[in-house]
Amino acid sequence: MMRIRGRIGDWPVDLTLELEREDWAQLAQALQGAPLEPVPSTVATPAVAGDGLWQTALQLVRDAGQIEGPKLLAQLAALAGGDAAGKRLLVRLRHCEQIRMETGADAPIYHWQGQL
């Protein structure tokens, strides 16, 4: 028995494979002598993906100069592929030295303070 757990995007994966002895033997035989080559991944590692998203999030505020929170959240959610990921980026921006958050009349306003 083999158990595979993880995530595909926002979807949790918990898969159990049950093979009979003959199936395992057949699989092992098929793999014998076959060179093991790394399988190219279409998904970036979390650190790389996170860094790219973070740089793009900073760029959004930098390009706007200032932007209201709801509009920024919508852009971040679209960029990151979901509301939860967008909210995480928004919280990270809130604590970033290059961003100043001001309480607006209807919504917070994020201001770029970093170097242009």
C-alpha atoms as a PDB file:
ATOM      1  CA  MET A   1       0.000   0.000   0.000  1.00  0.00           C
ATOM      2  CA  MET A   2       1.249   3.491  -0.824  1.00  0.00           C
ATOM      3  CA  ARG A   3      -0.255   6.725   0.452  1.00  0.00           C
ATOM      4  CA  ILE A   4       0.151  10.031  -1.365  1.00  0.00           C
ATOM      5  CA  ARG A   5      -0.824  13.247   0.411  1.00  0.00           C
ATOM      6  CA  GLY A   6      -0.442  16.834  -0.668  1.00  0.00           C
ATOM      7  CA  ARG A   7      -2.185  19.588  -2.569  1.00  0.00           C
ATOM      8  CA  ILE A   8      -2.990  20.339  -6.159  1.00  0.00           C
ATOM      9  CA  GLY A   9      -3.585  24.068  -6.097  1.00  0.00           C
ATOM     10  CA  ASP A  10      -6.242  24.676  -3.451  1.00  0.00           C
ATOM     11  CA  TRP A  11      -7.431  21.050  -3.534  1.00  0.00           C
ATOM     12  CA  PRO A  12      -6.231  18.638  -0.848  1.00  0.00           C
ATOM     13  CA  VAL A  13      -5.136  15.225  -2.108  1.00  0.00           C
ATOM     14  CA  ASP A  14      -5.135  12.047  -0.024  1.00  0.00           C
ATOM     15  CA  LEU A  15      -4.695   9.011  -2.256  1.00  0.00           C
ATOM     16  CA  THR A  16      -4.088   5.412  -1.226  1.00  0.00           C
ATOM     17  CA  LEU A  17      -2.842   2.896  -3.790  1.00  0.00           C
ATOM     18  CA  GLU A  18      -3.298  -0.767  -3.056  1.00  0.00           C
ATOM     19  CA  LEU A  19      -1.511  -3.207  -5.361  1.00  0.00           C
ATOM     20  CA  GLU A  20      -1.300  -6.978  -5.161  1.00  0.00           C
ATOM     21  CA  ARG A  21       2.148  -8.622  -4.893  1.00  0.00           C
ATOM     22  CA  GLU A  22       2.050  -9.495  -8.574  1.00  0.00           C
ATOM     23  CA  ASP A  23       1.349  -5.859  -9.470  1.00  0.00           C
ATOM     24  CA  TRP A  24       4.276  -4.637  -7.340  1.00  0.00           C
ATOM     25  CA  ALA A  25       6.551  -7.269  -8.924  1.00  0.00           C
ATOM     26  CA  GLN A  26       5.428  -6.233 -12.400  1.00  0.00           C
ATOM     27  CA  LEU A  27       6.037  -2.580 -11.567  1.00  0.00           C
ATOM     28  CA  ALA A  28       9.510  -3.353 -10.164  1.00  0.00           C
ATOM     29  CA  GLN A  29      10.367  -5.412 -13.246  1.00  0.00           C
ATOM     30  CA  ALA A  30       9.245  -2.616 -15.543  1.00  0.00           C
ATOM     31  CA  LEU A  31      11.443  -0.178 -13.667  1.00  0.00           C
ATOM     32  CA  GLN A  32      14.546  -2.405 -13.639  1.00  0.00           C
ATOM     33  CA  GLY A  33      17.077  -1.157 -16.097  1.00  0.00           C
ATOM     34  CA  ALA A  34      14.977   1.858 -16.930  1.00  0.00           C
ATOM     35  CA  PRO A  35      17.037   4.988 -16.347  1.00  0.00           C
ATOM     36  CA  LEU A  36      15.465   7.194 -13.756  1.00  0.00           C
ATOM     37  CA  GLU A  37      15.129  10.665 -15.185  1.00  0.00           C
ATOM     38  CA  PRO A  38      13.755  13.614 -13.299  1.00  0.00           C
ATOM     39  CA  VAL A  39      10.224  14.438 -14.320  1.00  0.00           C
ATOM     40  CA  PRO A  40       9.893  18.091 -15.238  1.00  0.00           C
ATOM     41  CA  SER A  41       7.442  19.830 -12.980  1.00  0.00           C
ATOM     42  CA  THR A  42       4.867  22.262 -14.266  1.00  0.00           C
ATOM     43  CA  VAL A  43       4.412  23.651 -10.769  1.00  0.00           C
ATOM     44  CA  ALA A  44       7.085  25.916  -9.308  1.00  0.00           C
ATOM     45  CA  THR A  45       8.340  25.217  -5.829  1.00  0.00           C
ATOM     46  CA  PRO A  46       6.516  27.235  -3.141  1.00  0.00           C
ATOM     47  CA  ALA A  47       9.529  29.457  -2.455  1.00  0.00           C
ATOM     48  CA  VAL A  48       9.987  30.333  -6.124  1.00  0.00           C
ATOM     49  CA  ALA A  49       6.271  30.766  -6.770  1.00  0.00           C
ATOM     50  CA  GLY A  50       5.875  32.814  -3.593  1.00  0.00           C
ATOM     51  CA  ASP A  51       8.794  35.074  -4.481  1.00  0.00           C
ATOM     52  CA  GLY A  52       7.414  35.715  -7.947  1.00  0.00           C
ATOM     53  CA  LEU A  53       3.952  36.443  -6.596  1.00  0.00           C
ATOM     54  CA  TRP A  54       5.422  38.719  -3.945  1.00  0.00           C
ATOM     55  CA  GLN A  55       7.407  40.705  -6.499  1.00  0.00           C
ATOM     56  CA  THR A  56       4.322  41.024  -8.687  1.00  0.00           C
ATOM     57  CA  ALA A  57       2.220  42.149  -5.697  1.00  0.00           C
ATOM     58  CA  LEU A  58       4.794  44.837  -4.915  1.00  0.00           C
ATOM     59  CA  GLN A  59       4.794  45.853  -8.573  1.00  0.00           C
ATOM     60  CA  LEU A  60       1.000  46.303  -8.504  1.00  0.00           C
ATOM     61  CA  VAL A  61       1.224  48.822  -5.671  1.00  0.00           C
ATOM     62  CA  ARG A  62       4.350  50.449  -7.122  1.00  0.00           C
ATOM     63  CA  ASP A  63       2.661  50.983 -10.500  1.00  0.00           C
ATOM     64  CA  ALA A  64      -0.523  52.333  -8.924  1.00  0.00           C
ATOM     65  CA  GLY A  65       1.253  54.622  -6.464  1.00  0.00           C
ATOM     66  CA  GLN A  66      -1.768  54.195  -4.213  1.00  0.00           C
ATOM     67  CA  ILE A  67      -4.660  51.758  -4.396  1.00  0.00           C
ATOM     68  CA  GLU A  68      -7.754  50.981  -2.315  1.00  0.00           C
ATOM     69  CA  GLY A  69      -7.747  47.705  -0.411  1.00  0.00           C
ATOM     70  CA  PRO A  70     -10.746  46.028  -2.112  1.00  0.00           C
ATOM     71  CA  LYS A  71      -9.384  46.741  -5.586  1.00  0.00           C
ATOM     72  CA  LEU A  72      -5.924  45.525  -4.562  1.00  0.00           C
ATOM     73  CA  LEU A  73      -7.395  42.380  -2.984  1.00  0.00           C
ATOM     74  CA  ALA A  74      -9.300  41.579  -6.190  1.00  0.00           C
ATOM     75  CA  GLN A  75      -6.119  41.946  -8.239  1.00  0.00           C
ATOM     76  CA  LEU A  76      -4.083  39.863  -5.780  1.00  0.00           C
ATOM     77  CA  ALA A  77      -6.731  37.111  -5.675  1.00  0.00           C
ATOM     78  CA  ALA A  78      -6.748  36.940  -9.479  1.00  0.00           C
ATOM     79  CA  LEU A  79      -2.951  36.896  -9.527  1.00  0.00           C
ATOM     80  CA  ALA A  80      -2.551  34.264  -6.805  1.00  0.00           C
ATOM     81  CA  GLY A  81      -5.401  32.047  -7.974  1.00  0.00           C
ATOM     82  CA  GLY A  82      -7.832  32.475  -5.084  1.00  0.00           C
ATOM     83  CA  ASP A  83      -9.163  34.667  -2.319  1.00  0.00           C
ATOM     84  CA  ALA A  84      -7.165  32.996   0.477  1.00  0.00           C
ATOM     85  CA  ALA A  85      -3.854  33.402  -1.342  1.00  0.00           C
ATOM     86  CA  GLY A  86      -4.771  36.991  -2.236  1.00  0.00           C
ATOM     87  CA  LYS A  87      -5.529  37.776   1.416  1.00  0.00           C
ATOM     88  CA  ARG A  88      -2.165  36.329   2.481  1.00  0.00           C
ATOM     89  CA  LEU A  89      -0.407  38.642   0.033  1.00  0.00           C
ATOM     90  CA  LEU A  90      -2.491  41.593   1.256  1.00  0.00           C
ATOM     91  CA  VAL A  91      -1.505  40.922   4.877  1.00  0.00           C
ATOM     92  CA  ARG A  92       2.127  40.632   3.832  1.00  0.00           C
ATOM     93  CA  LEU A  93       1.873  43.968   2.011  1.00  0.00           C
ATOM     94  CA  ARG A  94       0.338  45.531   5.109  1.00  0.00           C
ATOM     95  CA  HIS A  95       3.528  44.744   7.042  1.00  0.00           C
ATOM     96  CA  CYS A  96       5.988  45.593   4.270  1.00  0.00           C
ATOM     97  CA  GLU A  97       8.379  48.530   4.825  1.00  0.00           C
ATOM     98  CA  GLN A  98       7.809  49.739   1.261  1.00  0.00           C
ATOM     99  CA  ILE A  99       4.049  50.046   1.753  1.00  0.00           C
ATOM    100  CA  ARG A 100       2.161  52.489   3.951  1.00  0.00           C
ATOM    101  CA  MET A 101      -1.447  51.710   4.729  1.00  0.00           C
ATOM    102  CA  GLU A 102      -3.813  54.563   5.472  1.00  0.00           C
ATOM    103  CA  THR A 103      -7.372  54.266   6.727  1.00  0.00           C
ATOM    104  CA  GLY A 104      -9.619  55.725   4.045  1.00  0.00           C
ATOM    105  CA  ALA A 105     -13.246  56.788   4.369  1.00  0.00           C
ATOM    106  CA  ASP A 106     -14.585  53.508   2.988  1.00  0.00           C
ATOM    107  CA  ALA A 107     -11.548  51.236   2.741  1.00  0.00           C
ATOM    108  CA  PRO A 108      -7.841  51.124   3.557  1.00  0.00           C
ATOM    109  CA  ILE A 109      -5.541  52.723   1.010  1.00  0.00           C
ATOM    110  CA  TYR A 110      -2.151  51.190   0.262  1.00  0.00           C
ATOM    111  CA  HIS A 111       0.602  53.674  -0.681  1.00  0.00           C
ATOM    112  CA  TRP A 112       3.927  52.844  -2.300  1.00  0.00           C
ATOM    113  CA  GLN A 113       6.814  54.321  -0.280  1.00  0.00           C
ATOM    114  CA  GLY A 114       9.702  52.357  -1.734  1.00  0.00           C
ATOM    115  CA  GLN A 115      12.132  53.529  -4.326  1.00  0.00           C
ATOM    116  CA  LEU A 116      10.680  53.933  -7.792  1.00  0.00           C
END
